[in-house]
Amino acid sequence: MAHDQIPEALVPAAELAARNRARILNESEAYRQARTALLAEEIELRRHIERVAAMRRALPPGGPVTKDYRFEGEAGPVGLADLFGDKDTLIAYSYMYGPQRKRPCPMCTSQMSAWDGEAEDIGQRAAFVMIARSPIERLVAFKQERGWKALKLFSDASGDYTRDYVDPQDGDAPGLNVFTRRDGTIRHFWAAEMGFETADPGQDPRGAPDTMPLWTMLDMTPEGRGTDWYPSLEYR
C-alpha cells in the first residue's frame, strides 16, 4: 500500500479465509477446518505486520548523529556519511566477530549468508552494510571463505560506533540500526530493541518480523525451530 493512500475497510479475516478455494489431495474435513482457521490467523498476522511497519515509518525524527564515526572498508577508510553512497537511508548490521573471537558467530553468519543473495536488491532502495569490530583483513578473509559476493563489510576498529549504537560496554553483540540522511542531517531512525528482557518464556530473544529466512522457513514445518539446534559454520 502506498504511504499516502487512505486504507479501505478490511473484510474480516475469517470471511476472506472462507473464500479460499484451495484443497489438498486426500485431505480430511478436519484438516480443512483447521487449515481455514489457521488461514484466518495468517491473514491477521499479515495485517499486523503491515500495521507495525506503518507505525515504524511514522516514528518522529530520531536523534541526530553528532560524531564523525570512522570505519575501515574493503576500499579504505570511510566515514558514516560515506556508507550511504547515493541513498538517503542506511541499514547497518553489526555482527559478532570481534578481535577476541576466533571465528564469527554462526547465527550472524547464517543470517548474513541469506542476506548476501538479497543485498543487491536491498541496495536498490537503501544502503546496506555489515559492521564488525575485527580488523578489515579478518572480515574480508572470512567473506572469501564463505563465498559472499554482495555484502559490504566495514571494520569499526575504534569501537566508537559500536559503543554508541550497539553495546555501551563494547561487547560482542549484534545490532541492527537504520539511519536517514535528510537535508544534510544524518539521524538515527530505528534500531532492533528486542532482546533478553523482552523474550517470551521458552523462546529465543528475537525480533519481529524475524530477519532470518532460516527460521521463517522452519516455522512452516511440523518440527518447527526446535530447541536443540543452531546453525553451524561448517557442515562437512
C-alpha atoms as a PDB file:
ATOM      1  CA  MET A   1       0.000   0.000   0.000  1.00  0.00           C
ATOM      2  CA  ALA A   2       1.324   3.446  -0.855  1.00  0.00           C
ATOM      3  CA  HIS A   3       2.018   5.551   2.227  1.00  0.00           C
ATOM      4  CA  ASP A   4      -0.424   8.285   1.192  1.00  0.00           C
ATOM      5  CA  GLN A   5      -3.346   6.010   0.423  1.00  0.00           C
ATOM      6  CA  ILE A   6      -6.357   6.003   2.739  1.00  0.00           C
ATOM      7  CA  PRO A   7      -6.832   2.414   3.935  1.00  0.00           C
ATOM      8  CA  GLU A   8     -10.125   0.865   2.916  1.00  0.00           C
ATOM      9  CA  ALA A   9     -12.310  -1.047   5.340  1.00  0.00           C
ATOM     10  CA  LEU A  10     -10.950  -4.564   5.561  1.00  0.00           C
ATOM     11  CA  VAL A  11     -13.033  -7.649   5.036  1.00  0.00           C
ATOM     12  CA  PRO A  12     -12.915  -9.797   8.202  1.00  0.00           C
ATOM     13  CA  ALA A  13     -10.091 -12.313   8.025  1.00  0.00           C
ATOM     14  CA  ALA A  14     -12.426 -15.247   8.637  1.00  0.00           C
ATOM     15  CA  GLU A  15     -14.537 -14.195   5.653  1.00  0.00           C
ATOM     16  CA  LEU A  16     -11.501 -13.958   3.406  1.00  0.00           C
ATOM     17  CA  ALA A  17     -10.332 -17.364   4.604  1.00  0.00           C
ATOM     18  CA  ALA A  18     -13.714 -18.858   3.788  1.00  0.00           C
ATOM     19  CA  ARG A  19     -13.332 -17.661   0.186  1.00  0.00           C
ATOM     20  CA  ASN A  20     -10.210 -19.748  -0.260  1.00  0.00           C
ATOM     21  CA  ARG A  21     -10.773 -22.491  -2.829  1.00  0.00           C
ATOM     22  CA  ALA A  22      -7.526 -24.369  -2.305  1.00  0.00           C
ATOM     23  CA  ARG A  23      -7.905 -28.037  -1.475  1.00  0.00           C
ATOM     24  CA  ILE A  24      -5.073 -30.519  -0.990  1.00  0.00           C
ATOM     25  CA  LEU A  25      -5.206 -34.080  -2.323  1.00  0.00           C
ATOM     26  CA  ASN A  26      -6.729 -36.563   0.153  1.00  0.00           C
ATOM     27  CA  GLU A  27      -7.183 -34.002   2.922  1.00  0.00           C
ATOM     28  CA  SER A  28      -9.798 -34.696   5.613  1.00  0.00           C
ATOM     29  CA  GLU A  29     -12.646 -32.408   6.608  1.00  0.00           C
ATOM     30  CA  ALA A  30     -10.969 -31.921   9.985  1.00  0.00           C
ATOM     31  CA  TYR A  31      -7.780 -30.817   8.239  1.00  0.00           C
ATOM     32  CA  ARG A  32      -9.673 -28.339   6.049  1.00  0.00           C
ATOM     33  CA  GLN A  33     -11.494 -26.818   9.005  1.00  0.00           C
ATOM     34  CA  ALA A  34      -8.278 -26.407  10.959  1.00  0.00           C
ATOM     35  CA  ARG A  35      -6.441 -25.083   7.916  1.00  0.00           C
ATOM     36  CA  THR A  36      -9.142 -22.487   7.251  1.00  0.00           C
ATOM     37  CA  ALA A  37      -8.972 -21.324  10.862  1.00  0.00           C
ATOM     38  CA  LEU A  38      -5.187 -21.096  10.524  1.00  0.00           C
ATOM     39  CA  LEU A  39      -5.537 -19.173   7.263  1.00  0.00           C
ATOM     40  CA  ALA A  40      -7.646 -16.549   9.043  1.00  0.00           C
ATOM     41  CA  GLU A  41      -4.888 -16.143  11.623  1.00  0.00           C
ATOM     42  CA  GLU A  42      -2.261 -15.906   8.867  1.00  0.00           C
ATOM     43  CA  ILE A  43      -4.278 -13.094   7.288  1.00  0.00           C
ATOM     44  CA  GLU A  44      -4.463 -11.334  10.649  1.00  0.00           C
ATOM     45  CA  LEU A  45      -0.706 -11.774  11.062  1.00  0.00           C
ATOM     46  CA  ARG A  46      -0.102 -10.214   7.653  1.00  0.00           C
ATOM     47  CA  ARG A  47      -2.273  -7.277   8.638  1.00  0.00           C
ATOM     48  CA  HIS A  48      -0.494  -6.879  11.960  1.00  0.00           C
ATOM     49  CA  ILE A  49       2.885  -6.842  10.202  1.00  0.00           C
ATOM     50  CA  GLU A  50       1.546  -4.064   7.968  1.00  0.00           C
ATOM     51  CA  ARG A  51       0.336  -2.085  10.991  1.00  0.00           C
ATOM     52  CA  VAL A  52       3.682  -2.411  12.749  1.00  0.00           C
ATOM     53  CA  ALA A  53       5.541  -1.347   9.603  1.00  0.00           C
ATOM     54  CA  ALA A  54       3.295   1.721   9.308  1.00  0.00           C
ATOM     55  CA  MET A  55       3.966   2.635  12.944  1.00  0.00           C
ATOM     56  CA  ARG A  56       7.691   2.283  12.325  1.00  0.00           C
ATOM     57  CA  ARG A  57       7.542   4.557   9.287  1.00  0.00           C
ATOM     58  CA  ALA A  58       5.623   7.136  11.336  1.00  0.00           C
ATOM     59  CA  LEU A  59       8.239   7.430  14.093  1.00  0.00           C
ATOM     60  CA  PRO A  60       9.218  11.023  14.945  1.00  0.00           C
ATOM     61  CA  PRO A  61      12.671  12.145  13.799  1.00  0.00           C
ATOM     62  CA  GLY A  62      15.380  10.276  15.668  1.00  0.00           C
ATOM     63  CA  GLY A  63      18.424  11.708  17.340  1.00  0.00           C
ATOM     64  CA  PRO A  64      20.966  13.422  15.091  1.00  0.00           C
ATOM     65  CA  VAL A  65      24.346  11.768  14.622  1.00  0.00           C
ATOM     66  CA  THR A  66      26.857  14.243  16.007  1.00  0.00           C
ATOM     67  CA  LYS A  67      30.093  12.233  15.892  1.00  0.00           C
ATOM     68  CA  ASP A  68      32.331  11.622  12.899  1.00  0.00           C
ATOM     69  CA  TYR A  69      32.381   7.832  13.071  1.00  0.00           C
ATOM     70  CA  ARG A  70      35.202   6.298  11.084  1.00  0.00           C
ATOM     71  CA  PHE A  71      35.371   2.825   9.578  1.00  0.00           C
ATOM     72  CA  GLU A  72      37.817   0.797   7.562  1.00  0.00           C
ATOM     73  CA  GLY A  73      36.231  -0.629   4.443  1.00  0.00           C
ATOM     74  CA  GLU A  74      37.417  -3.002   1.770  1.00  0.00           C
ATOM     75  CA  ALA A  75      38.497   0.016  -0.292  1.00  0.00           C
ATOM     76  CA  GLY A  76      39.953   2.067   2.568  1.00  0.00           C
ATOM     77  CA  PRO A  77      38.837   4.413   5.372  1.00  0.00           C
ATOM     78  CA  VAL A  78      35.372   5.980   5.286  1.00  0.00           C
ATOM     79  CA  GLY A  79      33.000   7.935   7.497  1.00  0.00           C
ATOM     80  CA  LEU A  80      29.408   7.151   8.364  1.00  0.00           C
ATOM     81  CA  ALA A  81      28.152   9.565   5.716  1.00  0.00           C
ATOM     82  CA  ASP A  82      30.117   7.647   3.086  1.00  0.00           C
ATOM     83  CA  LEU A  83      28.241   4.449   3.942  1.00  0.00           C
ATOM     84  CA  PHE A  84      25.064   5.972   2.491  1.00  0.00           C
ATOM     85  CA  GLY A  85      26.513   6.154  -1.005  1.00  0.00           C
ATOM     86  CA  ASP A  86      23.839   7.765  -3.150  1.00  0.00           C
ATOM     87  CA  LYS A  87      20.988   6.664  -0.877  1.00  0.00           C
ATOM     88  CA  ASP A  88      19.100   8.584   1.805  1.00  0.00           C
ATOM     89  CA  THR A  89      18.667   5.555   4.069  1.00  0.00           C
ATOM     90  CA  LEU A  90      21.309   3.288   5.577  1.00  0.00           C
ATOM     91  CA  ILE A  91      20.737  -0.165   7.075  1.00  0.00           C
ATOM     92  CA  ALA A  92      23.716  -1.149   9.229  1.00  0.00           C
ATOM     93  CA  TYR A  93      24.030  -4.627  10.743  1.00  0.00           C
ATOM     94  CA  SER A  94      26.660  -5.137  13.433  1.00  0.00           C
ATOM     95  CA  TYR A  95      27.717  -8.752  13.645  1.00  0.00           C
ATOM     96  CA  MET A  96      29.558 -10.752  16.268  1.00  0.00           C
ATOM     97  CA  TYR A  97      33.131 -11.025  15.049  1.00  0.00           C
ATOM     98  CA  GLY A  98      35.245  -9.037  17.441  1.00  0.00           C
ATOM     99  CA  PRO A  99      39.033  -9.365  17.827  1.00  0.00           C
ATOM    100  CA  GLN A 100      38.540 -11.747  20.751  1.00  0.00           C
ATOM    101  CA  ARG A 101      36.638 -14.291  18.641  1.00  0.00           C
ATOM    102  CA  LYS A 102      38.492 -16.980  16.741  1.00  0.00           C
ATOM    103  CA  ARG A 103      35.554 -17.407  14.367  1.00  0.00           C
ATOM    104  CA  PRO A 104      32.417 -15.350  13.618  1.00  0.00           C
ATOM    105  CA  CYS A 105      29.111 -16.046  15.321  1.00  0.00           C
ATOM    106  CA  PRO A 106      27.367 -18.931  13.474  1.00  0.00           C
ATOM    107  CA  MET A 107      23.960 -17.260  13.850  1.00  0.00           C
ATOM    108  CA  CYS A 108      25.159 -13.953  12.419  1.00  0.00           C
ATOM    109  CA  THR A 109      26.907 -15.860   9.646  1.00  0.00           C
ATOM    110  CA  SER A 110      23.755 -17.785   8.728  1.00  0.00           C
ATOM    111  CA  GLN A 111      21.723 -14.600   8.581  1.00  0.00           C
ATOM    112  CA  MET A 112      24.324 -12.746   6.526  1.00  0.00           C
ATOM    113  CA  SER A 113      24.626 -15.651   4.104  1.00  0.00           C
ATOM    114  CA  ALA A 114      20.911 -15.308   3.366  1.00  0.00           C
ATOM    115  CA  TRP A 115      21.235 -11.545   3.009  1.00  0.00           C
ATOM    116  CA  ASP A 116      24.114 -11.909   0.566  1.00  0.00           C
ATOM    117  CA  GLY A 117      21.642 -13.124  -2.029  1.00  0.00           C
ATOM    118  CA  GLU A 118      19.331 -10.167  -1.390  1.00  0.00           C
ATOM    119  CA  ALA A 119      21.894  -7.420  -0.823  1.00  0.00           C
ATOM    120  CA  GLU A 120      21.807  -6.069  -4.358  1.00  0.00           C
ATOM    121  CA  ASP A 121      18.008  -5.989  -4.300  1.00  0.00           C
ATOM    122  CA  ILE A 122      18.008  -4.180  -0.952  1.00  0.00           C
ATOM    123  CA  GLY A 123      20.616  -1.822  -2.368  1.00  0.00           C
ATOM    124  CA  GLN A 124      18.112  -0.506  -4.886  1.00  0.00           C
ATOM    125  CA  ARG A 125      16.172   1.072  -2.021  1.00  0.00           C
ATOM    126  CA  ALA A 126      18.724   1.634   0.750  1.00  0.00           C
ATOM    127  CA  ALA A 127      22.412   1.362   1.513  1.00  0.00           C
ATOM    128  CA  PHE A 128      23.138  -1.936   3.298  1.00  0.00           C
ATOM    129  CA  VAL A 129      26.365  -2.581   5.227  1.00  0.00           C
ATOM    130  CA  MET A 130      27.839  -5.081   7.670  1.00  0.00           C
ATOM    131  CA  ILE A 131      29.987  -3.798  10.554  1.00  0.00           C
ATOM    132  CA  ALA A 132      32.193  -5.737  12.965  1.00  0.00           C
ATOM    133  CA  ARG A 133      34.953  -4.942  15.420  1.00  0.00           C
ATOM    134  CA  SER A 134      37.647  -7.171  13.911  1.00  0.00           C
ATOM    135  CA  PRO A 135      40.253  -5.697  11.534  1.00  0.00           C
ATOM    136  CA  ILE A 136      39.044  -5.460   7.957  1.00  0.00           C
ATOM    137  CA  GLU A 137      41.561  -8.101   6.852  1.00  0.00           C
ATOM    138  CA  ARG A 138      39.867 -10.697   9.055  1.00  0.00           C
ATOM    139  CA  LEU A 139      36.435  -9.692   7.822  1.00  0.00           C
ATOM    140  CA  VAL A 140      37.450  -9.936   4.176  1.00  0.00           C
ATOM    141  CA  ALA A 141      39.179 -13.289   4.707  1.00  0.00           C
ATOM    142  CA  PHE A 142      36.008 -14.812   6.114  1.00  0.00           C
ATOM    143  CA  LYS A 143      33.914 -13.200   3.388  1.00  0.00           C
ATOM    144  CA  GLN A 144      36.067 -15.000   0.833  1.00  0.00           C
ATOM    145  CA  GLU A 145      35.892 -18.261   2.776  1.00  0.00           C
ATOM    146  CA  ARG A 146      32.115 -18.037   2.939  1.00  0.00           C
ATOM    147  CA  GLY A 147      31.779 -17.057  -0.707  1.00  0.00           C
ATOM    148  CA  TRP A 148      29.865 -13.851  -0.049  1.00  0.00           C
ATOM    149  CA  LYS A 149      29.688 -11.678  -3.135  1.00  0.00           C
ATOM    150  CA  ALA A 150      27.412  -8.710  -2.410  1.00  0.00           C
ATOM    151  CA  LEU A 151      27.811  -7.906   1.284  1.00  0.00           C
ATOM    152  CA  LYS A 152      29.740  -4.706   2.026  1.00  0.00           C
ATOM    153  CA  LEU A 153      31.981  -5.096   5.069  1.00  0.00           C
ATOM    154  CA  PHE A 154      33.343  -2.416   7.378  1.00  0.00           C
ATOM    155  CA  SER A 155      35.523  -2.567  10.479  1.00  0.00           C
ATOM    156  CA  ASP A 156      34.746  -0.399  13.494  1.00  0.00           C
ATOM    157  CA  ALA A 157      38.341  -0.528  14.676  1.00  0.00           C
ATOM    158  CA  SER A 158      37.973   2.204  17.308  1.00  0.00           C
ATOM    159  CA  GLY A 159      34.724   0.813  18.672  1.00  0.00           C
ATOM    160  CA  ASP A 160      33.178   4.294  18.847  1.00  0.00           C
ATOM    161  CA  TYR A 161      30.187   3.399  16.698  1.00  0.00           C
ATOM    162  CA  THR A 162      29.666   0.053  18.428  1.00  0.00           C
ATOM    163  CA  ARG A 163      29.667   1.593  21.890  1.00  0.00           C
ATOM    164  CA  ASP A 164      27.202   4.315  20.896  1.00  0.00           C
ATOM    165  CA  TYR A 165      24.755   2.303  18.790  1.00  0.00           C
ATOM    166  CA  VAL A 166      25.161  -1.382  19.680  1.00  0.00           C
ATOM    167  CA  ASP A 167      26.600  -2.033  23.151  1.00  0.00           C
ATOM    168  CA  PRO A 168      27.892   0.638  25.573  1.00  0.00           C
ATOM    169  CA  GLN A 169      30.286  -1.953  27.004  1.00  0.00           C
ATOM    170  CA  ASP A 170      31.708  -2.688  23.551  1.00  0.00           C
ATOM    171  CA  GLY A 171      30.673  -6.302  23.993  1.00  0.00           C
ATOM    172  CA  ASP A 172      30.455  -8.910  21.274  1.00  0.00           C
ATOM    173  CA  ALA A 173      26.807  -8.228  20.498  1.00  0.00           C
ATOM    174  CA  PRO A 174      24.721  -7.977  17.337  1.00  0.00           C
ATOM    175  CA  GLY A 175      22.877  -4.835  16.376  1.00  0.00           C
ATOM    176  CA  LEU A 176      20.625  -3.611  13.599  1.00  0.00           C
ATOM    177  CA  ASN A 177      20.319   0.135  13.031  1.00  0.00           C
ATOM    178  CA  VAL A 178      18.684   2.265  10.386  1.00  0.00           C
ATOM    179  CA  PHE A 179      19.835   5.830   9.713  1.00  0.00           C
ATOM    180  CA  THR A 180      18.433   8.546   7.469  1.00  0.00           C
ATOM    181  CA  ARG A 181      20.042  11.462   5.705  1.00  0.00           C
ATOM    182  CA  ARG A 182      17.653  14.340   5.069  1.00  0.00           C
ATOM    183  CA  ASP A 183      18.600  17.920   4.199  1.00  0.00           C
ATOM    184  CA  GLY A 184      22.214  17.193   5.019  1.00  0.00           C
ATOM    185  CA  THR A 185      21.471  15.853   8.515  1.00  0.00           C
ATOM    186  CA  ILE A 186      22.065  12.222   9.477  1.00  0.00           C
ATOM    187  CA  ARG A 187      19.682  10.891  12.107  1.00  0.00           C
ATOM    188  CA  HIS A 188      19.081   7.577  13.749  1.00  0.00           C
ATOM    189  CA  PHE A 189      15.720   6.228  12.576  1.00  0.00           C
ATOM    190  CA  TRP A 190      15.204   2.813  14.188  1.00  0.00           C
ATOM    191  CA  ALA A 191      17.079   0.041  15.972  1.00  0.00           C
ATOM    192  CA  ALA A 192      16.206  -3.525  16.883  1.00  0.00           C
ATOM    193  CA  GLU A 193      15.424  -3.334  20.608  1.00  0.00           C
ATOM    194  CA  MET A 194      14.024  -6.780  21.332  1.00  0.00           C
ATOM    195  CA  GLY A 195      16.406  -8.834  23.451  1.00  0.00           C
ATOM    196  CA  PHE A 196      16.610 -10.973  26.579  1.00  0.00           C
ATOM    197  CA  GLU A 197      14.464  -8.530  28.570  1.00  0.00           C
ATOM    198  CA  THR A 198      11.608  -8.775  26.071  1.00  0.00           C
ATOM    199  CA  ALA A 199      11.804 -12.507  25.285  1.00  0.00           C
ATOM    200  CA  ASP A 200       8.833 -14.763  25.982  1.00  0.00           C
ATOM    201  CA  PRO A 201       9.355 -17.938  28.041  1.00  0.00           C
ATOM    202  CA  GLY A 202      10.935 -20.771  26.080  1.00  0.00           C
ATOM    203  CA  GLN A 203      11.774 -18.612  23.072  1.00  0.00           C
ATOM    204  CA  ASP A 204      14.968 -17.100  21.731  1.00  0.00           C
ATOM    205  CA  PRO A 205      15.218 -13.329  22.234  1.00  0.00           C
ATOM    206  CA  ARG A 206      14.480 -12.485  18.639  1.00  0.00           C
ATOM    207  CA  GLY A 207      12.861  -9.557  16.901  1.00  0.00           C
ATOM    208  CA  ALA A 208       9.682  -9.461  14.876  1.00  0.00           C
ATOM    209  CA  PRO A 209       9.362  -9.824  11.991  1.00  0.00           C
ATOM    210  CA  ASP A 210      12.274 -12.231  12.113  1.00  0.00           C
ATOM    211  CA  THR A 211      15.120 -11.105   9.883  1.00  0.00           C
ATOM    212  CA  MET A 212      16.407 -14.664   9.407  1.00  0.00           C
ATOM    213  CA  PRO A 213      14.774 -16.533   6.496  1.00  0.00           C
ATOM    214  CA  LEU A 214      16.040 -19.751   8.098  1.00  0.00           C
ATOM    215  CA  TRP A 215      13.613 -19.518  10.990  1.00  0.00           C
ATOM    216  CA  THR A 216      10.746 -18.333   8.812  1.00  0.00           C
ATOM    217  CA  MET A 217      11.118 -21.457   6.686  1.00  0.00           C
ATOM    218  CA  LEU A 218      11.407 -23.791   9.685  1.00  0.00           C
ATOM    219  CA  ASP A 219       8.288 -22.222  11.199  1.00  0.00           C
ATOM    220  CA  MET A 220       6.382 -23.757   8.270  1.00  0.00           C
ATOM    221  CA  THR A 221       7.393 -27.305   9.233  1.00  0.00           C
ATOM    222  CA  PRO A 222       5.793 -29.644  11.791  1.00  0.00           C
ATOM    223  CA  GLU A 223       9.083 -29.788  13.732  1.00  0.00           C
ATOM    224  CA  GLY A 224       9.375 -26.011  13.901  1.00  0.00           C
ATOM    225  CA  ARG A 225      12.581 -24.340  15.020  1.00  0.00           C
ATOM    226  CA  GLY A 226      13.345 -26.893  17.688  1.00  0.00           C
ATOM    227  CA  THR A 227      15.280 -26.194  20.879  1.00  0.00           C
ATOM    228  CA  ASP A 228      18.452 -28.211  20.364  1.00  0.00           C
ATOM    229  CA  TRP A 229      19.860 -26.937  17.058  1.00  0.00           C
ATOM    230  CA  TYR A 230      21.560 -23.801  15.810  1.00  0.00           C
ATOM    231  CA  PRO A 231      23.294 -23.083  12.507  1.00  0.00           C
ATOM    232  CA  SER A 232      26.900 -24.149  12.114  1.00  0.00           C
ATOM    233  CA  LEU A 233      29.800 -22.538  10.291  1.00  0.00           C
ATOM    234  CA  GLU A 234      30.551 -25.852   8.570  1.00  0.00           C
ATOM    235  CA  TYR A 235      28.623 -28.968   7.549  1.00  0.00           C
ATOM    236  CA  ARG A 236      31.473 -31.163   6.429  1.00  0.00           C
END
